C-alpha atoms as a PDB file:
ATOM      1  CA  MET A   1       6.071 -43.375  -3.662  1.00  0.00           C
ATOM      2  CA  PHE A   2       7.982 -41.597  -1.100  1.00  0.00           C
ATOM      3  CA  PHE A   3       5.938 -39.049  -1.393  1.00  0.00           C
ATOM      4  CA  ILE A   4       2.203 -40.667  -1.475  1.00  0.00           C
ATOM      5  CA  ILE A   5       3.233 -43.163   2.113  1.00  0.00           C
ATOM      6  CA  LYS A   6       3.900 -40.234   2.692  1.00  0.00           C
ATOM      7  CA  GLY A   7       0.757 -38.285   2.547  1.00  0.00           C
ATOM      8  CA  ILE A   8      -1.789 -41.860   3.172  1.00  0.00           C
ATOM      9  CA  ARG A   9      -0.178 -41.036   7.001  1.00  0.00           C
ATOM     10  CA  ILE A  10      -0.857 -37.791   6.467  1.00  0.00           C
ATOM     11  CA  LEU A  11      -4.358 -38.154   6.031  1.00  0.00           C
ATOM     12  CA  LEU A  12      -4.274 -41.317   8.758  1.00  0.00           C
ATOM     13  CA  LYS A  13      -2.694 -39.152  11.700  1.00  0.00           C
ATOM     14  CA  ALA A  14      -5.223 -36.473  10.426  1.00  0.00           C
ATOM     15  CA  LEU A  15      -8.348 -38.621  11.035  1.00  0.00           C
ATOM     16  CA  CYS A  16      -7.038 -40.643  14.315  1.00  0.00           C
ATOM     17  CA  ALA A  17      -6.424 -37.521  15.436  1.00  0.00           C
ATOM     18  CA  GLY A  18      -9.303 -35.635  14.676  1.00  0.00           C
ATOM     19  CA  SER A  19     -11.375 -39.109  16.017  1.00  0.00           C
ATOM     20  CA  ALA A  20      -9.184 -38.915  18.834  1.00  0.00           C
ATOM     21  CA  GLN A  21     -10.197 -35.120  19.546  1.00  0.00           C
ATOM     22  CA  GLN A  22     -14.011 -36.243  18.715  1.00  0.00           C
ATOM     23  CA  GLU A  23     -14.147 -39.521  21.219  1.00  0.00           C
ATOM     24  CA  PRO A  24     -13.452 -37.386  24.891  1.00  0.00           C
ATOM     25  CA  SER A  25     -15.901 -34.947  23.207  1.00  0.00           C
ATOM     26  CA  GLU A  26     -18.988 -37.648  22.798  1.00  0.00           C
ATOM     27  CA  GLN A  27     -17.346 -38.814  25.744  1.00  0.00           C
ATOM     28  CA  GLN A  28     -18.441 -35.638  27.582  1.00  0.00           C
ATOM     29  CA  GLN A  29     -21.790 -35.162  26.433  1.00  0.00           C
ATOM     30  CA  GLN A  30     -22.989 -38.900  27.298  1.00  0.00           C
ATOM     31  CA  GLN A  31     -21.831 -37.444  30.362  1.00  0.00           C
ATOM     32  CA  GLN A  32     -23.462 -34.390  30.644  1.00  0.00           C
ATOM     33  CA  GLN A  33     -25.961 -36.085  29.226  1.00  0.00           C
ATOM     34  CA  TRP A  34     -25.749 -38.349  32.263  1.00  0.00           C
ATOM     35  CA  ARG A  35     -25.765 -35.949  34.980  1.00  0.00           C
ATOM     36  CA  PRO A  36     -29.044 -34.630  34.793  1.00  0.00           C
ATOM     37  CA  GLN A  37     -30.681 -37.333  35.065  1.00  0.00           C
ATOM     38  CA  GLN A  38     -28.735 -38.604  38.010  1.00  0.00           C
ATOM     39  CA  GLN A  39     -30.239 -35.478  38.873  1.00  0.00           C
ATOM     40  CA  GLN A  40     -33.571 -36.255  38.784  1.00  0.00           C
ATOM     41  CA  ALA A  41     -33.297 -39.131  41.541  1.00  0.00           C
ATOM     42  CA  GLN A  42     -34.888 -36.940  43.833  1.00  0.00           C
ATOM     43  CA  TYR A  43     -36.229 -38.226  47.404  1.00  0.00           C
ATOM     44  CA  PRO A  44     -38.604 -39.755  48.024  1.00  0.00           C
ATOM     45  CA  PRO A  45     -38.772 -40.876  45.638  1.00  0.00           C
ATOM     46  CA  VAL A  46     -42.146 -41.048  43.240  1.00  0.00           C
ATOM     47  CA  GLN A  47     -44.093 -43.678  43.541  1.00  0.00           C
ATOM     48  CA  GLN A  48     -45.520 -45.658  40.029  1.00  0.00           C
ATOM     49  CA  PRO A  49     -49.042 -46.382  38.797  1.00  0.00           C
ATOM     50  CA  ALA A  50     -50.184 -49.689  40.075  1.00  0.00           C
ATOM     51  CA  PRO A  51     -50.322 -51.721  37.485  1.00  0.00           C
ATOM     52  CA  VAL A  52     -53.579 -52.385  34.790  1.00  0.00           C
ATOM     53  CA  TYR A  53     -54.901 -54.949  34.337  1.00  0.00           C
ATOM     54  CA  PRO A  54     -56.162 -56.415  30.724  1.00  0.00           C
ATOM     55  CA  PRO A  55     -60.736 -56.419  31.505  1.00  0.00           C
ATOM     56  CA  SER A  56     -60.964 -60.264  29.674  1.00  0.00           C
ATOM     57  CA  GLN A  57     -58.805 -60.709  33.062  1.00  0.00           C
ATOM     58  CA  PRO A  58     -61.202 -60.110  36.040  1.00  0.00           C
ATOM     59  CA  PRO A  59     -59.295 -60.272  40.024  1.00  0.00           C
ATOM     60  CA  ILE A  60     -60.094 -63.152  41.538  1.00  0.00           C
ATOM     61  CA  GLN A  61     -62.128 -63.344  44.899  1.00  0.00           C
ATOM     62  CA  GLN A  62     -62.892 -65.521  47.664  1.00  0.00           C
ATOM     63  CA  PRO A  63     -65.589 -66.611  48.690  1.00  0.00           C
ATOM     64  CA  HIS A  64     -66.218 -65.150  51.884  1.00  0.00           C
ATOM     65  CA  LYS A  65     -66.278 -67.584  54.971  1.00  0.00           C
ATOM     66  CA  PRO A  66     -68.392 -65.485  58.127  1.00  0.00           C
ATOM     67  CA  GLN A  67     -66.055 -66.048  61.107  1.00  0.00           C
ATOM     68  CA  GLN A  68     -66.775 -67.859  64.381  1.00  0.00           C
ATOM     69  CA  HIS A  69     -67.254 -65.551  67.423  1.00  0.00           C
ATOM     70  CA  SER A  70     -66.593 -67.517  69.716  1.00  0.00           C
ATOM     71  CA  SER A  71     -65.337 -66.698  74.242  1.00  0.00           C
ATOM     72  CA  SER A  72     -63.515 -70.096  74.640  1.00  0.00           C
ATOM     73  CA  PRO A  73     -60.093 -70.330  73.847  1.00  0.00           C
ATOM     74  CA  TYR A  74     -60.279 -73.917  71.338  1.00  0.00           C
ATOM     75  CA  PRO A  75     -62.710 -72.833  68.089  1.00  0.00           C
ATOM     76  CA  HIS A  76     -63.819 -76.642  67.838  1.00  0.00           C
ATOM     77  CA  SER A  77     -65.029 -76.929  71.096  1.00  0.00           C
ATOM     78  CA  PRO A  78     -68.378 -78.146  71.865  1.00  0.00           C
ATOM     79  CA  ARG A  79     -69.193 -75.954  74.620  1.00  0.00           C
ATOM     80  CA  PRO A  80     -71.503 -72.535  73.297  1.00  0.00           C
ATOM     81  CA  ASP A  81     -70.938 -69.684  73.900  1.00  0.00           C
ATOM     82  CA  GLN A  82     -72.908 -67.863  76.974  1.00  0.00           C
ATOM     83  CA  ASN A  83     -73.658 -64.264  75.438  1.00  0.00           C
ATOM     84  CA  GLN A  84     -75.858 -65.839  72.271  1.00  0.00           C
ATOM     85  CA  ALA A  85     -78.013 -68.526  74.176  1.00  0.00           C
ATOM     86  CA  ASN A  86     -80.836 -66.774  74.622  1.00  0.00           C
ATOM     87  CA  GLN A  87     -80.561 -64.958  70.935  1.00  0.00           C
ATOM     88  CA  HIS A  88     -83.770 -66.984  69.263  1.00  0.00           C
ATOM     89  CA  ASP A  89     -85.697 -67.109  72.829  1.00  0.00           C
ATOM     90  CA  PRO A  90     -89.446 -65.647  71.373  1.00  0.00           C
ATOM     91  CA  HIS A  91     -89.522 -62.421  73.313  1.00  0.00           C
ATOM     92  CA  TYR A  92     -85.943 -61.280  72.475  1.00  0.00           C
ATOM     93  CA  MET A  93     -87.000 -61.713  69.345  1.00  0.00           C
ATOM     94  CA  ASP A  94     -90.353 -60.334  69.247  1.00  0.00           C
ATOM     95  CA  LEU A  95     -88.845 -56.750  71.208  1.00  0.00           C
ATOM     96  CA  ARG A  96     -85.890 -57.062  67.881  1.00  0.00           C
ATOM     97  CA  LYS A  97     -88.245 -57.045  65.786  1.00  0.00           C
ATOM     98  CA  ARG A  98     -90.990 -54.633  66.590  1.00  0.00           C
ATOM     99  CA  ALA A  99     -87.309 -52.251  66.889  1.00  0.00           C
ATOM    100  CA  ASN A 100     -86.702 -52.494  63.683  1.00  0.00           C
ATOM    101  CA  GLU A 101     -90.556 -52.507  61.833  1.00  0.00           C
ATOM    102  CA  GLU A 102     -90.751 -49.143  64.396  1.00  0.00           C
ATOM    103  CA  GLY A 103     -87.266 -48.104  62.192  1.00  0.00           C
ATOM    104  CA  ASP A 104     -88.206 -48.519  59.314  1.00  0.00           C
ATOM    105  CA  ALA A 105     -91.677 -46.324  59.726  1.00  0.00           C
ATOM    106  CA  MET A 106     -89.553 -43.392  61.146  1.00  0.00           C
ATOM    107  CA  ALA A 107     -87.370 -43.978  58.765  1.00  0.00           C
ATOM    108  CA  ARG A 108     -90.871 -43.595  56.367  1.00  0.00           C
ATOM    109  CA  CYS A 109     -91.747 -40.958  58.157  1.00  0.00           C
ATOM    110  CA  PHE A 110     -89.018 -39.463  58.074  1.00  0.00           C
ATOM    111  CA  GLN A 111     -88.269 -39.686  53.445  1.00  0.00           C
ATOM    112  CA  GLN A 112     -91.495 -38.515  52.777  1.00  0.00           C
ATOM    113  CA  SER A 113     -90.989 -35.533  55.497  1.00  0.00           C
ATOM    114  CA  HIS A 114     -87.211 -34.748  52.913  1.00  0.00           C
ATOM    115  CA  GLU A 115     -89.956 -35.049  50.151  1.00  0.00           C
ATOM    116  CA  ALA A 116     -93.020 -32.323  51.394  1.00  0.00           C
ATOM    117  CA  TYR A 117     -89.964 -29.718  52.384  1.00  0.00           C
ATOM    118  CA  ALA A 118     -88.735 -29.798  48.401  1.00  0.00           C
ATOM    119  CA  ARG A 119     -92.604 -29.667  46.846  1.00  0.00           C
ATOM    120  CA  GLY A 120     -92.732 -26.834  49.297  1.00  0.00           C
ATOM    121  CA  ASP A 121     -95.226 -28.147  51.873  1.00  0.00           C
ATOM    122  CA  GLY A 122     -94.007 -27.321  55.377  1.00  0.00           C
ATOM    123  CA  ALA A 123     -96.869 -27.698  57.183  1.00  0.00           C
ATOM    124  CA  GLY A 124     -96.513 -31.576  55.747  1.00  0.00           C
ATOM    125  CA  ALA A 125     -93.183 -31.868  56.882  1.00  0.00           C
ATOM    126  CA  LYS A 126     -93.069 -31.262  60.278  1.00  0.00           C
ATOM    127  CA  GLU A 127     -96.058 -33.315  60.954  1.00  0.00           C
ATOM    128  CA  LEU A 128     -93.561 -36.430  58.862  1.00  0.00           C
ATOM    129  CA  SER A 129     -91.128 -35.402  61.276  1.00  0.00           C
ATOM    130  CA  ASN A 130     -93.029 -35.605  64.184  1.00  0.00           C
ATOM    131  CA  GLN A 131     -94.525 -38.925  63.565  1.00  0.00           C
ATOM    132  CA  GLY A 132     -90.759 -40.010  62.117  1.00  0.00           C
ATOM    133  CA  LYS A 133     -90.124 -38.663  66.223  1.00  0.00           C
ATOM    134  CA  GLU A 134     -92.156 -41.144  67.655  1.00  0.00           C
ATOM    135  CA  HIS A 135     -91.156 -44.240  65.799  1.00  0.00           C
ATOM    136  CA  GLN A 136     -87.194 -43.280  66.728  1.00  0.00           C
ATOM    137  CA  GLN A 137     -88.326 -42.902  70.274  1.00  0.00           C
ATOM    138  CA  LYS A 138     -90.630 -46.209  70.016  1.00  0.00           C
ATOM    139  CA  MET A 139     -87.667 -48.046  67.951  1.00  0.00           C
ATOM    140  CA  GLU A 140     -85.063 -46.700  70.674  1.00  0.00           C
ATOM    141  CA  LYS A 141     -86.899 -48.477  73.679  1.00  0.00           C
ATOM    142  CA  LEU A 142     -88.122 -52.105  72.054  1.00  0.00           C
ATOM    143  CA  ASN A 143     -84.203 -52.045  71.883  1.00  0.00           C
ATOM    144  CA  LYS A 144     -83.014 -51.217  75.359  1.00  0.00           C
ATOM    145  CA  GLN A 145     -85.737 -53.346  75.899  1.00  0.00           C
ATOM    146  CA  ALA A 146     -84.286 -56.125  74.341  1.00  0.00           C
ATOM    147  CA  SER A 147     -80.636 -55.489  75.106  1.00  0.00           C
ATOM    148  CA  ASP A 148     -81.890 -54.864  79.418  1.00  0.00           C
ATOM    149  CA  TRP A 149     -83.630 -58.695  79.022  1.00  0.00           C
ATOM    150  CA  ILE A 150     -81.428 -60.227  76.949  1.00  0.00           C
ATOM    151  CA  TYR A 151     -77.908 -58.848  79.808  1.00  0.00           C
ATOM    152  CA  VAL A 152     -80.326 -60.456  82.497  1.00  0.00           C
ATOM    153  CA  GLU A 153     -80.939 -63.973  80.775  1.00  0.00           C
ATOM    154  CA  ASN A 154     -77.132 -64.259  79.975  1.00  0.00           C
ATOM    155  CA  ASN A 155     -76.347 -63.162  83.483  1.00  0.00           C
ATOM    156  CA  LYS A 156     -78.855 -65.175  85.657  1.00  0.00           C
ATOM    157  CA  VAL A 157     -77.475 -66.642  88.425  1.00  0.00           C
ATOM    158  CA  HIS A 158     -77.953 -70.462  88.817  1.00  0.00           C
ATOM    159  CA  THR A 159     -77.821 -72.315  91.710  1.00  0.00           C
ATOM    160  CA  PHE A 160     -75.712 -75.191  90.758  1.00  0.00           C
ATOM    161  CA  MET A 161     -73.142 -73.068  90.088  1.00  0.00           C
ATOM    162  CA  LEU A 162     -73.162 -71.491  93.708  1.00  0.00           C
ATOM    163  CA  LEU A 163     -72.692 -75.329  94.820  1.00  0.00           C
ATOM    164  CA  PRO A 164     -69.377 -77.075  96.309  1.00  0.00           C
ATOM    165  CA  HIS A 165     -67.721 -78.484  94.275  1.00  0.00           C
END
């Protein structure tokens, strides 16, 4: 019986000593596995990709609200913006309308010129290009007239402003 107990103790020591020796090696393995992970953290940090939302949930867009352009520090004041006072004048609107029409004609001529050149008609392309340039000059002239007219109208000095208060 003594020999059996002594044999069991030897076996336990062997098993416990073996597991005690194995534990540090497992810890060493875990530390070795941990070290490369620590070394992977380099600067600058890598950016994570943006989250992808499922197609059933489109992003919510707020309706567009136009901004009010007012020179007044009080946005709800009854005083109108003097720089916009003449924008609805028939003469000014006609100048801008005619300038827009010339711009449209210019764009058509340049597009047709491009198409003519693509099909090998160099002379037709040149003629259309020249017509487009004429429309461009007319457009710029009309826009300049409208700009000059509204500048003068918006900056007129009214006699009531000159009277002493």
